[in-house]
Protein backbone atom coordinates (compact mmCIF):
# COMPACT_ATOMS: atom_id res chain seq x y z
CA MET A 1 131.70 -32.62 -39.72
CA ALA A 2 131.35 -31.84 -43.36
CA GLU A 3 133.96 -33.02 -45.79
CA HIS A 4 136.46 -30.53 -47.18
CA GLU A 5 136.18 -29.23 -50.67
CA ALA A 6 138.00 -31.16 -53.36
CA GLY A 7 141.62 -30.07 -53.59
CA ALA A 8 141.67 -28.23 -50.28
CA PRO A 9 144.08 -29.67 -47.71
CA GLY A 10 142.50 -31.20 -44.64
CA PRO A 11 143.68 -30.63 -41.09
CA ALA A 12 146.19 -33.49 -41.29
CA GLU A 13 147.40 -32.44 -44.74
CA ALA A 14 148.42 -28.86 -43.86
CA PRO A 15 151.89 -28.14 -45.24
CA ALA A 16 154.63 -27.38 -42.75
CA PRO A 17 155.75 -23.75 -42.77
CA GLU A 18 159.02 -23.43 -44.69
CA GLN A 19 159.50 -19.70 -44.33
CA PRO A 20 162.92 -19.86 -42.61
CA ARG A 21 164.27 -22.26 -45.20
CA GLY A 22 162.93 -20.12 -48.04
CA ALA A 23 164.40 -16.95 -46.56
CA ARG A 24 167.73 -18.68 -46.02
CA GLN A 25 167.76 -19.92 -49.61
CA ALA A 26 166.83 -16.46 -50.89
CA PHE A 27 169.66 -14.86 -48.92
CA ARG A 28 172.07 -17.54 -50.12
CA HIS A 29 171.08 -16.87 -53.73
CA TRP A 30 171.43 -13.11 -53.22
CA ARG A 31 174.85 -13.57 -51.59
CA HIS A 32 176.13 -15.75 -54.44
CA THR A 33 175.15 -13.20 -57.10
CA ARG A 34 177.50 -10.49 -55.83
CA PRO A 35 180.95 -10.08 -54.21
CA PHE A 36 179.51 -10.47 -50.72
CA TRP A 37 182.61 -11.10 -48.62
CA GLY A 38 184.60 -8.49 -50.51
CA GLY A 39 181.99 -5.83 -49.73
CA VAL A 40 181.73 -6.89 -46.11
CA LEU A 41 185.51 -6.77 -45.61
CA VAL A 42 185.88 -3.37 -47.30
CA THR A 43 183.16 -1.97 -45.04
CA ALA A 44 184.74 -3.60 -41.96
CA GLY A 45 188.16 -2.15 -42.82
CA GLY A 46 186.74 1.35 -43.18
CA ALA A 47 184.72 0.99 -39.98
CA GLU A 48 187.83 -0.14 -38.08
CA MET A 49 189.75 2.91 -39.27
CA LEU A 50 186.88 5.20 -38.23
CA ALA A 51 186.61 3.53 -34.83
CA LEU A 52 190.26 4.29 -34.07
CA PHE A 53 189.57 8.03 -34.23
CA TYR A 54 187.42 7.73 -31.12
CA VAL A 55 189.90 5.75 -29.02
CA PRO A 56 191.34 7.85 -26.16
CA TRP A 57 194.92 6.69 -26.70
CA LYS A 58 197.71 9.22 -26.94
CA VAL A 59 199.25 7.15 -29.73
CA VAL A 60 196.39 7.87 -32.12
CA LEU A 61 197.19 10.57 -34.66
CA HIS A 62 194.09 12.70 -34.96
CA MET A 63 195.29 14.74 -37.90
CA GLY A 64 196.41 13.05 -41.07
CA LEU A 65 197.36 14.81 -44.27
CA TYR A 66 195.29 17.99 -44.38
CA GLY A 67 193.09 16.88 -41.46
CA ILE A 68 189.85 15.99 -43.23
CA SER A 69 191.38 13.19 -45.29
CA GLY A 70 191.83 11.16 -42.11
CA TYR A 71 188.04 10.92 -41.88
CA LEU A 72 187.30 11.03 -45.61
CA VAL A 73 189.19 7.89 -46.66
CA PRO A 74 187.52 5.53 -44.14
CA ILE A 75 184.11 7.05 -44.89
CA LEU A 76 184.65 6.41 -48.60
CA LEU A 77 185.63 2.82 -47.83
CA CYS A 78 182.43 2.44 -45.80
CA ILE A 79 180.50 3.70 -48.85
CA LEU A 80 182.36 1.50 -51.35
CA GLY A 81 181.62 -1.68 -49.36
CA PRO A 82 177.83 -1.47 -49.72
CA SER A 83 178.30 -0.26 -53.30
CA LEU A 84 180.04 -3.56 -54.01
CA LEU A 85 177.13 -5.42 -52.45
CA PHE A 86 174.27 -3.59 -54.12
CA ASP A 87 175.80 -2.77 -57.52
CA PRO A 88 177.83 -5.82 -58.56
CA GLN A 89 177.93 -4.79 -62.23
CA HIS A 90 180.48 -2.08 -61.38
CA ARG A 91 182.52 -4.20 -58.99
CA THR A 92 185.76 -3.72 -60.93
CA PHE A 93 185.61 0.06 -60.59
CA TYR A 94 184.57 -0.06 -56.94
CA SER A 95 187.19 -2.63 -56.00
CA ILE A 96 190.00 -0.66 -57.64
CA LEU A 97 188.85 2.46 -55.80
CA ALA A 98 188.67 0.52 -52.55
CA LEU A 99 192.20 -0.77 -53.07
CA LEU A 100 193.53 2.73 -53.79
CA PHE A 101 191.75 4.22 -50.78
CA SER A 102 192.95 1.46 -48.49
CA VAL A 103 196.54 2.10 -49.58
CA ALA A 104 195.99 5.85 -49.15
CA SER A 105 194.78 5.22 -45.61
CA TRP A 106 198.36 4.36 -44.65
CA MET A 107 199.24 8.06 -44.80
CA THR A 108 195.93 9.59 -43.80
CA SER A 109 194.20 7.44 -41.18
CA ASN A 110 196.47 6.41 -38.31
CA LEU A 111 198.72 4.24 -40.45
CA GLY A 112 195.71 2.59 -42.04
CA GLY A 113 194.07 1.78 -38.73
CA PHE A 114 197.39 0.49 -37.42
CA MET A 115 197.58 -1.72 -40.53
CA VAL A 116 194.62 -3.87 -39.42
CA GLY A 117 191.91 -1.87 -41.20
CA MET A 118 194.11 -1.33 -44.22
CA LEU A 119 194.81 -5.07 -44.62
CA ILE A 120 191.15 -5.97 -44.11
CA ALA A 121 190.04 -3.44 -46.75
CA MET A 122 192.77 -4.54 -49.17
CA THR A 123 191.74 -8.17 -48.78
CA GLY A 124 188.10 -7.27 -49.42
CA ALA A 125 189.01 -5.21 -52.48
CA CYS A 126 191.03 -8.09 -53.91
CA LEU A 127 188.20 -10.55 -53.24
CA ALA A 128 185.71 -8.25 -54.94
CA TYR A 129 187.99 -7.74 -57.94
CA GLY A 130 188.47 -11.46 -58.43
CA TRP A 131 184.81 -12.39 -57.93
CA SER A 132 182.88 -13.88 -60.83
CA ASP A 133 179.26 -14.95 -61.00
CA ALA A 134 179.88 -17.38 -63.85
CA PRO A 135 179.16 -20.99 -62.86
CA GLU A 136 182.19 -23.20 -62.52
CA ALA A 137 182.58 -25.74 -65.29
CA SER A 138 183.68 -29.22 -64.33
CA GLY A 139 186.53 -30.89 -66.20
CA GLU A 140 184.23 -33.02 -68.36
CA GLU A 141 181.95 -30.14 -69.34
CA ALA A 142 184.84 -27.82 -70.16
CA GLU A 143 186.07 -30.02 -73.00
CA GLU A 144 184.48 -29.54 -76.38
CA PRO A 145 182.64 -32.53 -77.78
CA GLY A 146 184.64 -34.39 -80.38
CA SER A 147 187.98 -33.01 -79.25
CA GLU A 148 190.35 -35.62 -77.94
CA ARG A 149 193.54 -35.11 -76.04
CA VAL A 150 196.60 -36.29 -77.88
CA PRO A 151 199.43 -37.35 -75.61
CA ILE A 152 202.74 -35.68 -76.34
CA SER A 153 205.51 -38.23 -76.81
């Protein structure tokens, strides 16, 4: 057998495939750069409210205020959830809208999906509103250099 070219890996030197680890790290980075759980919960709350319209119970109120709003509010929540995920720069606006629509679902969409969907969407909206992509500063790094704490007597 002929020797391999200089710099080319031989059969024993072939690198192990690290595709799954790279994809996992890429998804982790993507998830940490946006209000991921807030968007997921807002979407889940809207989906739960929509799912209750198709349940064959006699308890379910099919007509909310003006009829169409019973479907419109959960659909808007299902749109706001992915908006939080894919447009994190406007998360404040989207999260406030999601909070308002989740509260409005109490009157329009079967008591907010029997309160379950409403509470899930409200939790997601609050998580998205409070999310920040700024790195956390440790206690030592947060202090300015040269500033000393003076104990109060």
